[in-house]
Amino acid sequence: MAKTEPSFLALTINSFEILALTPLAAVVLIFGKRYIWTFTKSQKFIFKSVKGREPPKSQ
């Protein structure tokens, strides 16, 4: 007969693995985002305004 639920030991081990990997994944995602955005923001040609489409100037 097949078990429908993993044993308590398996659940505990899986829980510890998730708890150990979550901070590591968060750090990788945060620094990866910083690296990508730093590169993207340094590319000035991406953010140049097109002639005729400048925002209105406040007087």
N, C-alpha and C. Protein backbone atom coordinates (compact mmCIF):
# COMPACT_ATOMS: atom_id res chain seq x y z
N MET A 1 0.85 -1.17 0.00
CA MET A 1 0.00 0.00 0.00
C MET A 1 0.90 1.24 0.00
N ALA A 2 0.58 2.19 -0.86
CA ALA A 2 1.41 3.40 -1.00
C ALA A 2 1.06 4.42 0.07
N LYS A 3 2.08 5.08 0.55
CA LYS A 3 1.85 6.14 1.53
C LYS A 3 1.35 7.38 0.78
N THR A 4 0.43 8.08 1.40
CA THR A 4 -0.08 9.30 0.78
C THR A 4 0.64 10.52 1.30
N GLU A 5 1.40 10.35 2.36
CA GLU A 5 2.03 11.48 3.02
C GLU A 5 3.48 11.12 3.34
N PRO A 6 4.43 12.05 3.10
CA PRO A 6 5.82 11.73 3.46
C PRO A 6 5.98 11.63 4.98
N SER A 7 6.99 10.95 5.38
CA SER A 7 7.22 10.80 6.82
C SER A 7 7.61 12.14 7.43
N PHE A 8 7.50 12.21 8.74
CA PHE A 8 7.82 13.45 9.45
C PHE A 8 9.27 13.84 9.24
N LEU A 9 10.15 12.85 9.19
CA LEU A 9 11.57 13.13 8.99
C LEU A 9 11.81 13.76 7.62
N ALA A 10 11.15 13.25 6.60
CA ALA A 10 11.31 13.82 5.25
C ALA A 10 10.78 15.24 5.21
N LEU A 11 9.67 15.50 5.86
CA LEU A 11 9.12 16.86 5.91
C LEU A 11 10.08 17.81 6.63
N THR A 12 10.66 17.34 7.71
CA THR A 12 11.59 18.17 8.48
C THR A 12 12.83 18.50 7.65
N ILE A 13 13.38 17.51 6.98
CA ILE A 13 14.57 17.73 6.15
C ILE A 13 14.26 18.71 5.02
N ASN A 14 13.13 18.52 4.36
CA ASN A 14 12.74 19.43 3.28
C ASN A 14 12.53 20.84 3.80
N SER A 15 11.94 20.97 4.97
CA SER A 15 11.72 22.30 5.55
C SER A 15 13.05 23.00 5.83
N PHE A 16 14.02 22.27 6.38
CA PHE A 16 15.32 22.87 6.66
C PHE A 16 16.04 23.26 5.37
N GLU A 17 15.89 22.45 4.32
CA GLU A 17 16.51 22.80 3.04
C GLU A 17 15.92 24.09 2.49
N ILE A 18 14.62 24.23 2.58
CA ILE A 18 13.96 25.45 2.10
C ILE A 18 14.39 26.65 2.93
N LEU A 19 14.43 26.49 4.25
CA LEU A 19 14.86 27.59 5.11
C LEU A 19 16.32 27.98 4.86
N ALA A 20 17.14 27.03 4.49
CA ALA A 20 18.55 27.33 4.23
C ALA A 20 18.75 28.01 2.88
N LEU A 21 17.94 27.65 1.90
CA LEU A 21 18.13 28.19 0.55
C LEU A 21 17.41 29.51 0.30
N THR A 22 16.39 29.83 1.09
CA THR A 22 15.63 31.06 0.87
C THR A 22 16.48 32.31 1.02
N PRO A 23 17.27 32.49 2.08
CA PRO A 23 18.10 33.70 2.16
C PRO A 23 19.14 33.78 1.03
N LEU A 24 19.70 32.65 0.65
CA LEU A 24 20.67 32.64 -0.44
C LEU A 24 20.01 33.09 -1.74
N ALA A 25 18.83 32.58 -2.02
CA ALA A 25 18.12 32.99 -3.24
C ALA A 25 17.77 34.47 -3.20
N ALA A 26 17.38 34.98 -2.03
CA ALA A 26 17.04 36.40 -1.90
C ALA A 26 18.26 37.27 -2.18
N VAL A 27 19.41 36.90 -1.64
CA VAL A 27 20.63 37.68 -1.87
C VAL A 27 21.01 37.68 -3.35
N VAL A 28 20.93 36.53 -3.98
CA VAL A 28 21.27 36.44 -5.41
C VAL A 28 20.32 37.30 -6.23
N LEU A 29 19.03 37.26 -5.94
CA LEU A 29 18.07 38.05 -6.69
C LEU A 29 18.27 39.55 -6.49
N ILE A 30 18.54 39.96 -5.26
CA ILE A 30 18.71 41.40 -4.98
C ILE A 30 19.96 41.93 -5.68
N PHE A 31 21.08 41.23 -5.55
CA PHE A 31 22.31 41.72 -6.19
C PHE A 31 22.23 41.58 -7.70
N GLY A 32 21.56 40.56 -8.19
CA GLY A 32 21.37 40.43 -9.63
C GLY A 32 20.55 41.58 -10.19
N LYS A 33 19.51 41.96 -9.48
CA LYS A 33 18.69 43.09 -9.92
C LYS A 33 19.50 44.38 -9.89
N ARG A 34 20.29 44.58 -8.84
CA ARG A 34 21.14 45.78 -8.76
C ARG A 34 22.10 45.84 -9.93
N TYR A 35 22.72 44.72 -10.26
CA TYR A 35 23.68 44.68 -11.36
C TYR A 35 22.99 45.00 -12.68
N ILE A 36 21.85 44.39 -12.93
CA ILE A 36 21.14 44.61 -14.19
C ILE A 36 20.67 46.05 -14.30
N TRP A 37 20.10 46.60 -13.22
CA TRP A 37 19.60 47.98 -13.28
C TRP A 37 20.73 48.98 -13.40
N THR A 38 21.88 48.73 -12.77
CA THR A 38 23.02 49.63 -12.90
C THR A 38 23.47 49.69 -14.35
N PHE A 39 23.54 48.56 -15.00
CA PHE A 39 23.93 48.53 -16.41
C PHE A 39 22.88 49.23 -17.27
N THR A 40 21.61 48.94 -17.02
CA THR A 40 20.54 49.52 -17.83
C THR A 40 20.47 51.03 -17.68
N LYS A 41 20.60 51.53 -16.46
CA LYS A 41 20.52 52.97 -16.22
C LYS A 41 21.73 53.70 -16.80
N SER A 42 22.85 53.04 -16.94
CA SER A 42 24.04 53.70 -17.48
C SER A 42 23.95 53.87 -18.99
N GLN A 43 23.07 53.17 -19.63
CA GLN A 43 22.89 53.29 -21.07
C GLN A 43 21.99 54.48 -21.36
N LYS A 44 22.59 55.64 -21.58
CA LYS A 44 21.84 56.90 -21.69
C LYS A 44 20.96 56.94 -22.93
N PHE A 45 21.34 56.24 -23.99
CA PHE A 45 20.56 56.32 -25.21
C PHE A 45 19.17 55.72 -25.05
N ILE A 46 18.99 54.86 -24.08
CA ILE A 46 17.68 54.25 -23.86
C ILE A 46 16.69 55.28 -23.36
N PHE A 47 17.18 56.23 -22.55
CA PHE A 47 16.28 57.16 -21.89
C PHE A 47 16.26 58.54 -22.53
N LYS A 48 16.86 58.71 -23.73
CA LYS A 48 16.81 60.00 -24.40
C LYS A 48 15.38 60.26 -24.87
N SER A 49 14.95 61.51 -24.72
CA SER A 49 13.60 61.83 -25.18
C SER A 49 13.64 62.11 -26.68
N VAL A 50 12.59 61.72 -27.35
CA VAL A 50 12.47 61.91 -28.79
C VAL A 50 11.99 63.32 -29.05
N LYS A 51 12.55 63.96 -30.08
CA LYS A 51 12.16 65.33 -30.39
C LYS A 51 10.67 65.38 -30.67
N GLY A 52 9.99 66.32 -30.03
CA GLY A 52 8.54 66.44 -30.18
C GLY A 52 7.78 65.69 -29.11
N ARG A 53 8.47 64.91 -28.31
CA ARG A 53 7.79 64.15 -27.26
C ARG A 53 8.35 64.48 -25.88
N GLU A 54 8.93 65.67 -25.74
CA GLU A 54 9.45 66.08 -24.44
C GLU A 54 8.29 66.36 -23.49
N PRO A 55 8.49 66.18 -22.21
CA PRO A 55 7.43 66.53 -21.25
C PRO A 55 7.23 68.04 -21.23
N PRO A 56 6.03 68.52 -20.91
CA PRO A 56 5.78 69.96 -20.89
C PRO A 56 6.66 70.64 -19.85
N LYS A 57 7.14 71.83 -20.20
CA LYS A 57 8.00 72.58 -19.28
C LYS A 57 7.13 73.43 -18.37
N SER A 58 7.41 73.36 -17.08
CA SER A 58 6.64 74.18 -16.13
C SER A 58 7.18 75.60 -16.16
N GLN A 59 6.28 76.58 -16.07
CA GLN A 59 6.69 77.98 -16.16
C GLN A 59 6.64 78.65 -14.82
